[in-house]
Amino acid sequence: MSGSWAANARTVSAAPQTFAEPHHTNASDRRVFLNASQNVNGNTSALAKNLFGNLTYKQVNLASYNIPQVGQGDGDFSKVWDQLKDADVIVIGTPVYWSNMSGYLKTFIDHLQINNDLANRDLYMIVQSSDSDQTLAINSVYGTMNRVAIRFNMNFVGIGQTTEQINQLHNKMIGNAPSNPTTPTTPTTPTNPTTPSEPTTPSNPTTPSVPSTPSTPDSWTITDKKGVGRVYYTPGYGINVWTNPDGSTFTKRINHGTSWKYFKIAKKANKTMYNLSGNQWVDGAYFR
């Protein structure tokens, strides 16, 4: 039997994952840890303590609330939700059961109704397991939570399982993560750079009668300039693509190390934003 299992074993590789830079790194920010473990003070909550460090936070234990399966009423769902929407930073921790998140967390997610309550919140994930290789679990949790972050317009900062990963997320939370840790001295530009998929292109892109401007046009100087830029952030992570230079709403993320065509440059004080066509802008601090 063991030989049969070995013959059918397959290697699971990590799926491509893109994360965002945090927007809330002040000590005064409101932080909530949503504990999806049956143990209030177990290994999952211990990892959360390491992630927060000396920062203050509120722990919400899903095991302490009655949230039934979908179709059987909402139970205490709103009691938990009200605590999340009051936070600037949300850390969700789950143990691994059968290469996936806990039933507590899955049931909670099943009750979600899309709204703007969590817009622009920073989201961190903790995946706790005694097994050193949880690739299947990480892939599964990422797929679900990345979708949640996109639908609720959140900043999905990262997933941590190991002590090293938790320390890296802590540095991001307090604003100590390097903004450009792997910038090559001579970056290479591909001969055929790609353009973001499904761009919002104006009806007359070459001679627009009304140029695309941010919500506060007087504060930005926007010039038409074409070129190719490259994303310099952190390997495995990405930067947000915003709908205007002010960065009020993001639509997606683009990965570190990728190159993109740009068509306009917006400047205000020491801030620079690049337009990737239509209403798609990226921060010049991570793109050049």
Protein backbone atom coordinates (compact mmCIF):
# COMPACT_ATOMS: atom_id res chain seq x y z
CA MET A 1 0.00 0.00 0.00
CA SER A 2 2.82 2.41 0.86
CA GLY A 3 4.40 1.75 -2.52
CA SER A 4 1.12 2.57 -4.23
CA TRP A 5 0.88 5.87 -2.38
CA ALA A 6 4.46 6.74 -3.22
CA ALA A 7 3.95 5.97 -6.87
CA ASN A 8 0.95 8.32 -7.02
CA ALA A 9 2.50 11.11 -4.98
CA ARG A 10 2.95 14.44 -6.73
CA THR A 11 4.80 17.61 -5.92
CA VAL A 12 2.65 20.66 -5.28
CA SER A 13 4.27 23.99 -6.11
CA ALA A 14 3.30 27.35 -4.71
CA ALA A 15 0.83 29.28 -6.84
CA PRO A 16 1.78 32.81 -7.95
CA GLN A 17 0.82 35.26 -5.22
CA THR A 18 0.61 39.04 -5.33
CA PHE A 19 0.38 41.23 -2.25
CA ALA A 20 -0.01 44.95 -1.56
CA GLU A 21 1.95 47.46 0.47
CA PRO A 22 0.33 48.34 3.82
CA HIS A 23 -1.47 51.66 4.25
CA HIS A 24 -1.75 51.65 8.04
CA THR A 25 1.60 51.60 9.84
CA ASN A 26 0.99 54.06 12.70
CA ALA A 27 1.02 53.02 16.34
CA SER A 28 -2.37 54.70 16.78
CA ASP A 29 -4.07 52.52 14.15
CA ARG A 30 -6.86 50.23 15.33
CA ARG A 31 -5.97 46.54 15.02
CA VAL A 32 -8.09 43.40 15.34
CA PHE A 33 -6.99 39.77 15.35
CA LEU A 34 -9.71 37.38 14.17
CA ASN A 35 -8.79 34.02 15.68
CA ALA A 36 -10.32 31.14 13.69
CA SER A 37 -8.90 28.44 15.96
CA GLN A 38 -10.89 26.45 18.53
CA ASN A 39 -8.11 27.34 20.99
CA VAL A 40 -8.34 30.87 22.34
CA ASN A 41 -4.70 30.92 23.49
CA GLY A 42 -3.16 28.29 21.23
CA ASN A 43 -0.42 28.35 18.61
CA THR A 44 -2.41 30.54 16.21
CA SER A 45 -2.86 33.30 18.77
CA ALA A 46 0.81 32.96 19.74
CA LEU A 47 1.83 33.71 16.15
CA ALA A 48 -0.48 36.72 16.20
CA LYS A 49 1.26 38.04 19.32
CA ASN A 50 4.58 37.79 17.50
CA LEU A 51 3.17 39.55 14.45
CA PHE A 52 1.79 42.48 16.46
CA GLY A 53 4.82 42.72 18.74
CA ASN A 54 4.35 45.66 21.11
CA LEU A 55 1.38 47.05 19.15
CA THR A 56 -2.02 47.05 20.80
CA TYR A 57 -4.78 44.92 19.28
CA LYS A 58 -8.13 43.34 20.06
CA GLN A 59 -8.55 39.58 19.78
CA VAL A 60 -11.88 38.24 18.50
CA ASN A 61 -12.30 34.47 18.85
CA LEU A 62 -14.72 32.94 16.36
CA ALA A 63 -15.10 29.93 18.66
CA SER A 64 -16.78 32.21 21.21
CA TYR A 65 -19.58 33.12 18.80
CA ASN A 66 -22.45 31.14 17.35
CA ILE A 67 -22.33 31.53 13.57
CA PRO A 68 -24.38 28.75 11.92
CA GLN A 69 -24.05 27.35 8.43
CA VAL A 70 -25.48 29.51 5.64
CA GLY A 71 -29.23 29.07 5.38
CA GLN A 72 -29.68 28.56 9.12
CA GLY A 73 -29.73 32.20 10.15
CA ASP A 74 -26.91 34.69 10.81
CA GLY A 75 -26.46 34.02 14.51
CA ASP A 76 -23.67 36.18 15.93
CA PHE A 77 -22.20 37.14 12.55
CA SER A 78 -22.99 40.85 12.90
CA LYS A 79 -21.34 40.95 16.36
CA VAL A 80 -18.07 39.82 14.80
CA TRP A 81 -18.44 41.96 11.68
CA ASP A 82 -19.02 45.14 13.68
CA GLN A 83 -15.68 44.63 15.43
CA LEU A 84 -13.84 44.08 12.13
CA LYS A 85 -15.21 47.15 10.36
CA ASP A 86 -14.00 49.39 13.21
CA ALA A 87 -10.37 48.32 12.59
CA ASP A 88 -7.69 49.78 10.33
CA VAL A 89 -5.62 46.59 10.38
CA ILE A 90 -7.14 43.10 10.35
CA VAL A 91 -5.11 39.96 11.03
CA ILE A 92 -6.89 36.65 10.47
CA GLY A 93 -5.33 33.49 11.87
CA THR A 94 -6.38 29.95 11.06
CA PRO A 95 -5.01 26.50 11.87
CA VAL A 96 -4.75 24.05 8.98
CA TYR A 97 -7.36 21.30 8.75
CA TRP A 98 -7.09 18.96 5.76
CA SER A 99 -4.89 21.41 3.84
CA ASN A 100 -7.37 24.24 4.24
CA MET A 101 -8.63 26.92 6.62
CA SER A 102 -10.68 26.01 9.67
CA GLY A 103 -14.43 25.50 9.50
CA TYR A 104 -14.89 28.52 11.79
CA LEU A 105 -13.32 30.80 9.20
CA LYS A 106 -14.96 29.20 6.17
CA THR A 107 -18.42 29.51 7.75
CA PHE A 108 -17.74 33.15 8.64
CA ILE A 109 -16.67 33.92 5.05
CA ASP A 110 -19.77 32.19 3.68
CA HIS A 111 -21.88 34.84 5.44
CA LEU A 112 -20.06 37.82 3.87
CA GLN A 113 -22.12 40.32 1.90
CA ILE A 114 -20.08 42.67 -0.33
CA ASN A 115 -20.05 46.27 0.88
CA ASN A 116 -17.61 49.12 1.58
CA ASP A 117 -17.21 48.51 5.32
CA LEU A 118 -13.62 47.23 4.97
CA ALA A 119 -12.40 49.43 2.11
CA ASN A 120 -8.70 50.32 2.36
CA ARG A 121 -8.15 48.15 5.45
CA ASP A 122 -4.86 46.24 5.67
CA LEU A 123 -5.32 42.46 5.71
CA TYR A 124 -2.77 39.96 7.04
CA MET A 125 -3.17 36.17 7.19
CA ILE A 126 -1.63 33.65 9.59
CA VAL A 127 -1.69 29.98 8.56
CA GLN A 128 -0.65 27.83 11.52
CA SER A 129 0.43 24.20 11.28
CA SER A 130 3.00 21.86 12.77
CA ASP A 131 3.81 20.62 9.25
CA SER A 132 6.67 22.61 7.76
CA ASP A 133 5.30 22.28 4.22
CA GLN A 134 1.78 23.65 3.90
CA THR A 135 1.88 24.60 0.22
CA LEU A 136 -1.61 23.24 -0.44
CA ALA A 137 -3.04 25.14 2.51
CA ILE A 138 -1.24 28.37 1.60
CA ASN A 139 -2.48 28.15 -1.99
CA SER A 140 -6.04 27.50 -0.85
CA VAL A 141 -6.11 30.25 1.78
CA TYR A 142 -4.49 32.73 -0.60
CA GLY A 143 -7.04 32.03 -3.33
CA THR A 144 -9.96 32.63 -0.99
CA MET A 145 -8.59 35.63 0.90
CA ASN A 146 -7.23 37.36 -2.19
CA ARG A 147 -10.73 37.19 -3.65
CA VAL A 148 -12.16 38.61 -0.40
CA ALA A 149 -9.60 41.44 -0.44
CA ILE A 150 -10.41 42.36 -4.04
CA ARG A 151 -14.19 42.31 -3.53
CA PHE A 152 -13.96 44.40 -0.34
CA ASN A 153 -11.23 46.73 -1.69
CA MET A 154 -8.74 45.75 1.03
CA ASN A 155 -4.94 45.81 0.99
CA PHE A 156 -3.84 42.15 1.23
CA VAL A 157 -0.36 42.57 2.72
CA GLY A 158 0.75 38.95 3.10
CA ILE A 159 0.53 35.45 4.57
CA GLY A 160 2.76 34.18 7.36
CA GLN A 161 3.39 30.62 8.56
CA THR A 162 7.01 30.47 9.71
CA THR A 163 8.71 32.66 12.32
CA GLU A 164 10.70 34.38 9.58
CA GLN A 165 7.54 35.16 7.59
CA ILE A 166 5.78 36.48 10.69
CA ASN A 167 8.75 38.76 11.41
CA GLN A 168 8.66 40.06 7.84
CA LEU A 169 4.96 40.84 8.17
CA HIS A 170 5.61 42.58 11.49
CA ASN A 171 8.17 44.83 9.80
CA LYS A 172 5.61 45.70 7.14
CA MET A 173 3.01 46.45 9.80
CA ILE A 174 5.27 48.94 11.57
CA GLY A 175 6.59 50.45 8.33
CA ASN A 176 10.12 49.03 8.51
CA ALA A 177 9.95 46.85 5.39
CA PRO A 178 12.41 47.91 2.66
CA SER A 179 10.59 49.70 -0.15
CA ASN A 180 13.11 48.60 -2.78
CA PRO A 181 15.18 45.66 -1.44
CA THR A 182 16.25 44.11 -4.70
CA THR A 183 16.84 46.94 -7.17
CA PRO A 184 19.42 45.83 -9.78
CA THR A 185 22.13 48.32 -10.66
CA THR A 186 21.27 48.04 -14.33
CA PRO A 187 17.65 46.95 -14.77
CA THR A 188 16.83 45.17 -17.98
CA THR A 189 13.85 46.22 -20.06
CA PRO A 190 12.11 43.60 -22.19
CA THR A 191 11.83 44.34 -25.88
CA ASN A 192 8.12 43.62 -25.87
CA PRO A 193 6.69 44.76 -22.51
CA THR A 194 3.15 43.89 -21.71
CA THR A 195 0.23 46.20 -21.10
CA PRO A 196 -2.21 45.66 -18.20
CA SER A 197 -5.13 43.44 -19.16
CA GLU A 198 -8.57 44.96 -19.70
CA PRO A 199 -7.43 48.61 -19.60
CA THR A 200 -10.00 51.36 -19.55
CA THR A 201 -9.01 53.19 -22.72
CA PRO A 202 -10.59 56.55 -23.65
CA SER A 203 -12.51 56.69 -26.92
CA ASN A 204 -9.86 58.91 -28.50
CA PRO A 205 -6.56 58.07 -26.78
CA THR A 206 -4.30 59.99 -29.17
CA THR A 207 -6.08 63.36 -29.00
CA PRO A 208 -8.36 63.38 -25.98
CA SER A 209 -10.57 66.43 -25.65
CA VAL A 210 -10.68 66.08 -21.87
CA PRO A 211 -7.56 64.47 -20.31
CA SER A 212 -7.92 61.94 -17.54
CA THR A 213 -7.34 63.79 -14.25
CA PRO A 214 -7.57 62.87 -10.57
CA SER A 215 -10.34 63.99 -8.25
CA THR A 216 -8.28 67.07 -7.29
CA PRO A 217 -6.89 68.18 -10.71
CA ASP A 218 -5.42 71.49 -9.47
CA SER A 219 -2.99 69.68 -7.16
CA TRP A 220 -1.43 67.49 -9.84
CA THR A 221 0.64 68.37 -12.90
CA ILE A 222 -0.05 65.73 -15.54
CA THR A 223 2.05 65.46 -18.70
CA ASP A 224 1.82 63.12 -21.66
CA LYS A 225 4.94 60.99 -21.71
CA LYS A 226 5.32 57.44 -22.99
CA GLY A 227 7.85 54.90 -21.85
CA VAL A 228 8.41 51.59 -20.10
CA GLY A 229 8.69 51.21 -16.34
CA ARG A 230 9.50 48.33 -14.04
CA VAL A 231 8.04 47.38 -10.64
CA TYR A 232 10.58 47.38 -7.81
CA TYR A 233 9.05 46.12 -4.59
CA THR A 234 9.53 42.77 -2.82
CA PRO A 235 9.77 39.38 -4.60
CA GLY A 236 6.44 37.60 -4.33
CA TYR A 237 4.62 40.84 -3.62
CA GLY A 238 3.09 43.54 -5.82
CA ILE A 239 1.91 47.13 -5.87
CA ASN A 240 -1.59 48.53 -6.24
CA VAL A 241 -2.99 49.94 -9.47
CA TRP A 242 -5.12 52.97 -8.54
CA THR A 243 -8.01 54.59 -10.41
CA ASN A 244 -6.48 58.07 -9.98
CA PRO A 245 -3.20 59.61 -8.79
CA ASP A 246 -4.63 60.30 -5.34
CA GLY A 247 -4.77 56.54 -4.67
CA SER A 248 -8.32 56.47 -3.34
CA THR A 249 -9.39 53.18 -4.98
CA PHE A 250 -7.31 50.33 -6.42
CA THR A 251 -8.42 47.88 -9.09
CA LYS A 252 -5.71 45.20 -9.03
CA ARG A 253 -2.04 44.59 -8.30
CA ILE A 254 0.99 44.08 -10.53
CA ASN A 255 3.96 41.95 -9.52
CA HIS A 256 7.45 42.94 -8.50
CA GLY A 257 9.90 42.63 -11.41
CA THR A 258 7.32 43.06 -14.20
CA SER A 259 7.54 45.78 -16.84
CA TRP A 260 4.68 47.92 -18.15
CA LYS A 261 4.10 50.67 -20.67
CA TYR A 262 3.14 54.06 -19.26
CA PHE A 263 1.49 56.99 -21.04
CA LYS A 264 1.32 59.89 -18.58
CA ILE A 265 3.21 61.14 -15.52
CA ALA A 266 1.50 63.02 -12.67
CA LYS A 267 3.53 65.05 -10.17
CA LYS A 268 2.59 66.80 -6.93
CA ALA A 269 5.25 68.02 -4.49
CA ASN A 270 7.56 65.00 -4.03
CA LYS A 271 4.97 62.50 -5.28
CA THR A 272 5.08 60.90 -8.76
CA MET A 273 2.44 58.64 -10.30
CA TYR A 274 2.57 56.81 -13.65
CA ASN A 275 -0.45 56.17 -15.87
CA LEU A 276 -0.67 52.67 -17.40
CA SER A 277 -3.49 53.75 -19.77
CA GLY A 278 -7.00 54.82 -18.91
CA ASN A 279 -7.73 55.15 -15.20
CA GLN A 280 -4.76 53.04 -14.08
CA TRP A 281 -2.06 54.71 -11.96
CA VAL A 282 0.90 53.32 -10.00
CA ASP A 283 3.14 54.89 -7.39
CA GLY A 284 6.49 56.15 -8.70
CA ALA A 285 8.12 55.10 -5.44
CA TYR A 286 7.93 51.50 -6.69
CA PHE A 287 7.84 52.03 -10.46
CA ARG A 288 10.42 53.59 -12.75
